[in-house]
Amino acid sequence: MFEFITKIWYMIYLLPVIIITEGYEMLKKFMHKRGYEIDWAYALLAILVLILIIVLFLQYGY
């Protein structure tokens, strides 16, 4: 039972946090290569686009 709970905990909390932190690090490296200064506006834009995609999928029943 404990293994089942840890798998659910991993899927709900830990996996999205790891994906978000790794994605942010990749964004910082990409922006630094291009000579742009990383700003919270870029990260906020990426999060809002992701939320928009999720809402559109939920609206159409996926």
N, C-alpha and C. Protein backbone atom coordinates (compact mmCIF):
# COMPACT_ATOMS: atom_id res chain seq x y z
N MET A 1 0.82 -1.19 0.00
CA MET A 1 0.00 0.00 0.00
C MET A 1 0.87 1.25 0.00
N PHE A 2 1.96 1.20 0.77
CA PHE A 2 2.84 2.36 0.85
C PHE A 2 3.48 2.66 -0.51
N GLU A 3 3.80 1.62 -1.27
CA GLU A 3 4.39 1.80 -2.59
C GLU A 3 3.40 2.51 -3.52
N PHE A 4 2.14 2.17 -3.44
CA PHE A 4 1.10 2.81 -4.24
C PHE A 4 0.97 4.29 -3.89
N ILE A 5 1.03 4.61 -2.61
CA ILE A 5 0.93 6.00 -2.16
C ILE A 5 2.14 6.80 -2.63
N THR A 6 3.33 6.22 -2.56
CA THR A 6 4.51 6.95 -3.03
C THR A 6 4.49 7.16 -4.53
N LYS A 7 3.95 6.22 -5.29
CA LYS A 7 3.84 6.42 -6.74
C LYS A 7 2.87 7.54 -7.06
N ILE A 8 1.76 7.60 -6.35
CA ILE A 8 0.80 8.68 -6.57
C ILE A 8 1.43 10.02 -6.18
N TRP A 9 2.14 10.07 -5.05
CA TRP A 9 2.81 11.28 -4.60
C TRP A 9 3.83 11.74 -5.64
N TYR A 10 4.55 10.79 -6.21
CA TYR A 10 5.54 11.11 -7.22
C TYR A 10 4.88 11.69 -8.47
N MET A 11 3.79 11.09 -8.92
CA MET A 11 3.12 11.55 -10.14
C MET A 11 2.42 12.89 -9.95
N ILE A 12 1.87 13.13 -8.78
CA ILE A 12 1.11 14.36 -8.57
C ILE A 12 2.01 15.54 -8.23
N TYR A 13 3.01 15.34 -7.40
CA TYR A 13 3.79 16.47 -6.92
C TYR A 13 5.22 16.49 -7.47
N LEU A 14 5.96 15.45 -7.30
CA LEU A 14 7.39 15.51 -7.60
C LEU A 14 7.68 15.60 -9.09
N LEU A 15 7.01 14.84 -9.92
CA LEU A 15 7.28 14.84 -11.34
C LEU A 15 7.03 16.21 -11.99
N PRO A 16 5.89 16.87 -11.73
CA PRO A 16 5.71 18.21 -12.31
C PRO A 16 6.74 19.23 -11.81
N VAL A 17 7.11 19.13 -10.55
CA VAL A 17 8.10 20.07 -10.01
C VAL A 17 9.45 19.86 -10.69
N ILE A 18 9.85 18.62 -10.89
CA ILE A 18 11.11 18.32 -11.57
C ILE A 18 11.07 18.81 -13.02
N ILE A 19 9.95 18.57 -13.69
CA ILE A 19 9.82 19.01 -15.09
C ILE A 19 9.89 20.53 -15.18
N ILE A 20 9.23 21.24 -14.27
CA ILE A 20 9.23 22.70 -14.31
C ILE A 20 10.61 23.25 -14.02
N THR A 21 11.32 22.71 -13.04
CA THR A 21 12.65 23.24 -12.72
C THR A 21 13.65 22.95 -13.84
N GLU A 22 13.59 21.75 -14.42
CA GLU A 22 14.49 21.44 -15.53
C GLU A 22 14.16 22.29 -16.76
N GLY A 23 12.88 22.50 -17.01
CA GLY A 23 12.48 23.34 -18.13
C GLY A 23 12.95 24.78 -17.95
N TYR A 24 12.88 25.28 -16.73
CA TYR A 24 13.33 26.65 -16.47
C TYR A 24 14.84 26.77 -16.66
N GLU A 25 15.58 25.76 -16.22
CA GLU A 25 17.03 25.77 -16.43
C GLU A 25 17.37 25.74 -17.93
N MET A 26 16.63 24.93 -18.70
CA MET A 26 16.86 24.88 -20.14
C MET A 26 16.52 26.22 -20.79
N LEU A 27 15.46 26.88 -20.32
CA LEU A 27 15.09 28.20 -20.84
C LEU A 27 16.18 29.22 -20.54
N LYS A 28 16.75 29.16 -19.32
CA LYS A 28 17.82 30.10 -18.97
C LYS A 28 19.04 29.89 -19.86
N LYS A 29 19.42 28.64 -20.11
CA LYS A 29 20.57 28.37 -20.97
C LYS A 29 20.30 28.84 -22.39
N PHE A 30 19.10 28.58 -22.90
CA PHE A 30 18.74 28.99 -24.26
C PHE A 30 18.77 30.51 -24.40
N MET A 31 18.22 31.21 -23.42
CA MET A 31 18.19 32.67 -23.48
C MET A 31 19.59 33.25 -23.33
N HIS A 32 20.43 32.61 -22.51
CA HIS A 32 21.79 33.11 -22.31
C HIS A 32 22.62 32.94 -23.59
N LYS A 33 22.41 31.84 -24.32
CA LYS A 33 23.12 31.63 -25.57
C LYS A 33 22.80 32.72 -26.58
N ARG A 34 21.55 33.13 -26.62
CA ARG A 34 21.09 34.15 -27.58
C ARG A 34 21.42 35.56 -27.13
N GLY A 35 21.89 35.72 -25.91
CA GLY A 35 22.27 37.03 -25.41
C GLY A 35 21.13 37.79 -24.76
N TYR A 36 20.02 37.11 -24.49
CA TYR A 36 18.90 37.76 -23.82
C TYR A 36 19.01 37.56 -22.33
N GLU A 37 18.59 38.54 -21.59
CA GLU A 37 18.56 38.42 -20.14
C GLU A 37 17.26 37.73 -19.74
N ILE A 38 17.36 36.71 -18.92
CA ILE A 38 16.16 35.98 -18.50
C ILE A 38 15.34 36.88 -17.60
N ASP A 39 14.07 36.88 -17.84
CA ASP A 39 13.15 37.71 -17.08
C ASP A 39 11.98 36.83 -16.67
N TRP A 40 11.32 37.19 -15.61
CA TRP A 40 10.17 36.41 -15.16
C TRP A 40 9.03 36.48 -16.16
N ALA A 41 9.04 37.50 -17.02
CA ALA A 41 7.98 37.62 -18.02
C ALA A 41 8.02 36.44 -18.99
N TYR A 42 9.20 35.99 -19.37
CA TYR A 42 9.32 34.84 -20.28
C TYR A 42 8.81 33.57 -19.62
N ALA A 43 9.17 33.37 -18.37
CA ALA A 43 8.70 32.19 -17.65
C ALA A 43 7.19 32.24 -17.45
N LEU A 44 6.68 33.41 -17.13
CA LEU A 44 5.24 33.57 -16.96
C LEU A 44 4.51 33.32 -18.27
N LEU A 45 5.07 33.79 -19.37
CA LEU A 45 4.47 33.55 -20.67
C LEU A 45 4.42 32.06 -21.00
N ALA A 46 5.49 31.35 -20.71
CA ALA A 46 5.53 29.91 -20.97
C ALA A 46 4.50 29.18 -20.11
N ILE A 47 4.35 29.57 -18.87
CA ILE A 47 3.37 28.94 -17.99
C ILE A 47 1.96 29.23 -18.47
N LEU A 48 1.69 30.46 -18.88
CA LEU A 48 0.35 30.81 -19.37
C LEU A 48 0.01 30.08 -20.66
N VAL A 49 0.98 29.90 -21.54
CA VAL A 49 0.74 29.14 -22.77
C VAL A 49 0.44 27.68 -22.43
N LEU A 50 1.16 27.11 -21.48
CA LEU A 50 0.90 25.74 -21.04
C LEU A 50 -0.50 25.61 -20.44
N ILE A 51 -0.90 26.56 -19.62
CA ILE A 51 -2.24 26.54 -19.05
C ILE A 51 -3.29 26.67 -20.14
N LEU A 52 -3.05 27.52 -21.14
CA LEU A 52 -3.98 27.66 -22.25
C LEU A 52 -4.16 26.35 -23.00
N ILE A 53 -3.07 25.66 -23.26
CA ILE A 53 -3.14 24.37 -23.96
C ILE A 53 -3.93 23.35 -23.13
N ILE A 54 -3.69 23.31 -21.83
CA ILE A 54 -4.41 22.38 -20.97
C ILE A 54 -5.90 22.70 -20.95
N VAL A 55 -6.25 23.97 -20.85
CA VAL A 55 -7.66 24.37 -20.84
C VAL A 55 -8.33 24.02 -22.16
N LEU A 56 -7.64 24.23 -23.27
CA LEU A 56 -8.22 23.88 -24.56
C LEU A 56 -8.44 22.38 -24.69
N PHE A 57 -7.50 21.58 -24.20
CA PHE A 57 -7.67 20.13 -24.23
C PHE A 57 -8.86 19.71 -23.36
N LEU A 58 -8.99 20.30 -22.19
CA LEU A 58 -10.09 19.94 -21.31
C LEU A 58 -11.44 20.38 -21.87
N GLN A 59 -11.44 21.47 -22.61
CA GLN A 59 -12.67 21.96 -23.18
C GLN A 59 -13.21 20.99 -24.23
N TYR A 60 -12.33 20.39 -25.00
CA TYR A 60 -12.74 19.48 -26.05
C TYR A 60 -12.81 18.03 -25.59
N GLY A 61 -12.62 17.78 -24.31
CA GLY A 61 -12.84 16.47 -23.75
C GLY A 61 -11.71 15.48 -23.89
N TYR A 62 -10.47 15.95 -24.01
CA TYR A 62 -9.35 15.02 -24.11
C TYR A 62 -8.87 14.61 -22.75
